[in-house]
Every structure is written in structure tokens, then in C-alpha cells.
């Protein structure tokens, strides 16, 4: 099994921003540099296990939760993410988002070959 460090970096950024923590603050609390953390979040550097453990501790999530974003086909995680995303939406916002998802799904399926080529880059 290969590890997709770009997806891990995205997950770090996603959780960090959800928690309202700046890159500088997270880096300081993890005893690393903001530049290194930025490189991790942007997929330019592979995070060490030590840094990933520190990030998970500061963000108050398990290492498993942090790495879950690296699993491309985990329907339960996506369902939980969708529930969290929609939790504070009004009925109107939920309906609009639903309609947008339906449209995007149709476009994705119509252009499946383009999507597959894009995913190969990761």
C-alpha cells in the first residue's frame, strides 16, 4: 500500500482550518517550522511520523483520523464528512447543495476518462 502524502497534507490543512488554528500556531505547538508545515500541507514534503503524531495531538484527533483522508475509498468517512458539512446548513442550502452534487455527478460520469487521468497524478 502506498501512502499519498498530498492527501495527508490536505487533511492536515482541512482539520487545522476547521479548528481555527493558523499554520504558524500549529507549527509552533508541534515544535516545527511554519515553512515545513506549509510544505507538508501543499504536498511538497513528506511529513515524518513524529510530526504527524504532534499534529494529531495538537488538533485533538487520533492519528487514524488524520490519516483517514489518505484513504481514497472509505465511504463511511465521506458520509461523516458530509454530515459535518451539512450540519449548520439551512434547508434551502441543503437543497441547493444537493442539486449541485447531482449536476456535478452527471458531469463527472460523462467525463470519467478525464477524471481517471487526473487521479493518476496523485
Protein backbone atom coordinates (compact mmCIF):
# COMPACT_ATOMS: atom_id res chain seq x y z
CA UNK A 1 0.00 0.00 0.00
CA UNK A 2 1.40 3.38 -0.94
CA UNK A 3 0.91 6.48 1.17
CA UNK A 4 -0.40 9.57 -0.55
CA UNK A 5 1.31 12.43 1.28
CA UNK A 6 -0.54 15.05 -0.78
CA UNK A 7 -3.83 13.80 0.60
CA UNK A 8 -2.40 13.69 4.12
CA UNK A 9 -1.28 17.31 3.72
CA UNK A 10 -4.74 18.31 2.55
CA UNK A 11 -6.24 16.59 5.57
CA UNK A 12 -3.87 18.44 7.91
CA UNK A 13 -4.90 21.76 6.36
CA UNK A 14 -8.59 20.82 6.43
CA UNK A 15 -8.62 19.90 10.11
CA UNK A 16 -6.36 22.82 11.06
CA UNK A 17 -8.68 25.33 9.40
CA UNK A 18 -11.76 23.64 10.91
CA UNK A 19 -10.15 24.17 14.32
CA UNK A 20 -9.35 27.82 13.55
CA UNK A 21 -5.61 27.33 14.06
CA UNK A 22 -3.10 29.22 11.92
CA UNK A 23 -0.18 27.45 10.25
CA UNK A 24 2.22 29.40 12.44
CA UNK A 25 0.41 28.43 15.64
CA UNK A 26 0.21 24.74 14.67
CA UNK A 27 3.88 24.70 13.70
CA UNK A 28 4.92 26.30 16.99
CA UNK A 29 2.83 23.89 19.04
CA UNK A 30 4.30 20.95 17.08
CA UNK A 31 7.82 22.32 17.54
CA UNK A 32 8.46 22.57 13.81
CA UNK A 33 8.69 25.45 11.34
CA UNK A 34 5.76 27.06 9.59
CA UNK A 35 7.64 26.59 6.31
CA UNK A 36 7.89 22.82 6.85
CA UNK A 37 4.21 22.62 7.81
CA UNK A 38 3.30 24.60 4.68
CA UNK A 39 5.31 22.19 2.55
CA UNK A 40 3.50 19.24 4.17
CA UNK A 41 0.09 20.81 3.60
CA UNK A 42 0.94 21.52 -0.04
CA UNK A 43 2.30 18.01 -0.66
CA UNK A 44 5.86 19.16 -1.33
CA UNK A 45 7.32 17.34 1.70
CA UNK A 46 6.52 14.03 3.35
CA UNK A 47 5.67 14.51 7.00
CA UNK A 48 7.66 12.48 9.48
CA UNK A 49 5.79 10.20 11.82
CA UNK A 50 6.90 12.38 14.73
CA UNK A 51 5.35 15.49 13.15
CA UNK A 52 2.14 13.66 12.22
CA UNK A 53 1.76 12.46 15.82
CA UNK A 54 2.34 16.00 17.11
CA UNK A 55 -0.14 17.46 14.60
CA UNK A 56 -2.79 14.92 15.60
CA UNK A 57 -2.26 15.71 19.29
CA UNK A 58 -2.49 19.48 18.79
CA UNK A 59 -5.58 19.13 16.57
CA UNK A 60 -7.09 16.79 19.18
CA UNK A 61 -7.77 13.96 16.76
CA UNK A 62 -6.38 10.46 16.57
CA UNK A 63 -3.59 9.68 14.16
CA UNK A 64 -6.05 7.36 12.46
CA UNK A 65 -8.49 10.24 11.93
CA UNK A 66 -5.70 12.36 10.49
CA UNK A 67 -4.64 9.63 8.09
CA UNK A 68 -8.19 8.71 7.12
CA UNK A 69 -8.13 11.45 4.50
CA UNK A 70 -5.46 9.37 2.75
CA UNK A 71 -7.92 6.55 2.12
CA UNK A 72 -9.44 7.24 -1.27
CA UNK A 73 -12.29 4.73 -0.97
CA UNK A 74 -13.69 4.99 2.53
CA UNK A 75 -17.45 5.59 2.19
CA UNK A 76 -18.04 5.83 5.94
CA UNK A 77 -15.55 8.66 6.29
CA UNK A 78 -17.12 10.52 3.37
CA UNK A 79 -20.56 10.09 4.92
CA UNK A 80 -19.32 11.53 8.22
CA UNK A 81 -17.69 14.43 6.36
CA UNK A 82 -20.94 15.16 4.51
CA UNK A 83 -22.94 15.10 7.76
CA UNK A 84 -20.46 17.57 9.35
CA UNK A 85 -20.55 19.77 6.25
CA UNK A 86 -24.33 19.93 6.19
CA UNK A 87 -24.85 20.22 9.95
CA UNK A 88 -25.15 24.00 10.02
CA UNK A 89 -26.90 24.43 6.65
CA UNK A 90 -30.46 25.63 6.26
CA UNK A 91 -32.99 23.51 4.36
CA UNK A 92 -32.56 25.81 1.38
CA UNK A 93 -28.77 25.48 1.44
CA UNK A 94 -29.04 21.70 1.70
CA UNK A 95 -31.37 21.58 -1.31
CA UNK A 96 -29.06 23.78 -3.41
CA UNK A 97 -26.03 21.70 -2.44
CA UNK A 98 -27.93 18.52 -3.30
CA UNK A 99 -28.84 19.89 -6.75
CA UNK A 100 -25.24 20.96 -7.32
CA UNK A 101 -23.98 17.50 -6.36
CA UNK A 102 -26.41 15.86 -8.75
CA UNK A 103 -25.18 18.06 -11.57
CA UNK A 104 -21.53 17.53 -10.71
CA UNK A 105 -22.05 13.77 -10.52
CA UNK A 106 -23.55 13.78 -14.02
CA UNK A 107 -20.61 15.79 -15.37
CA UNK A 108 -18.08 13.52 -13.64
CA UNK A 109 -19.68 10.42 -15.11
CA UNK A 110 -19.81 11.97 -18.56
CA UNK A 111 -16.10 12.76 -18.31
CA UNK A 112 -14.92 9.67 -16.44
CA UNK A 113 -11.78 9.29 -18.55
CA UNK A 114 -10.66 12.83 -17.69
CA UNK A 115 -11.21 12.14 -14.01
CA UNK A 116 -9.15 8.95 -14.15
CA UNK A 117 -6.26 10.81 -15.80
CA UNK A 118 -6.45 13.49 -13.10
CA UNK A 119 -6.39 10.91 -10.30
CA UNK A 120 -3.30 9.28 -11.80
CA UNK A 121 -1.37 12.44 -10.97
CA UNK A 122 -1.77 11.71 -7.26
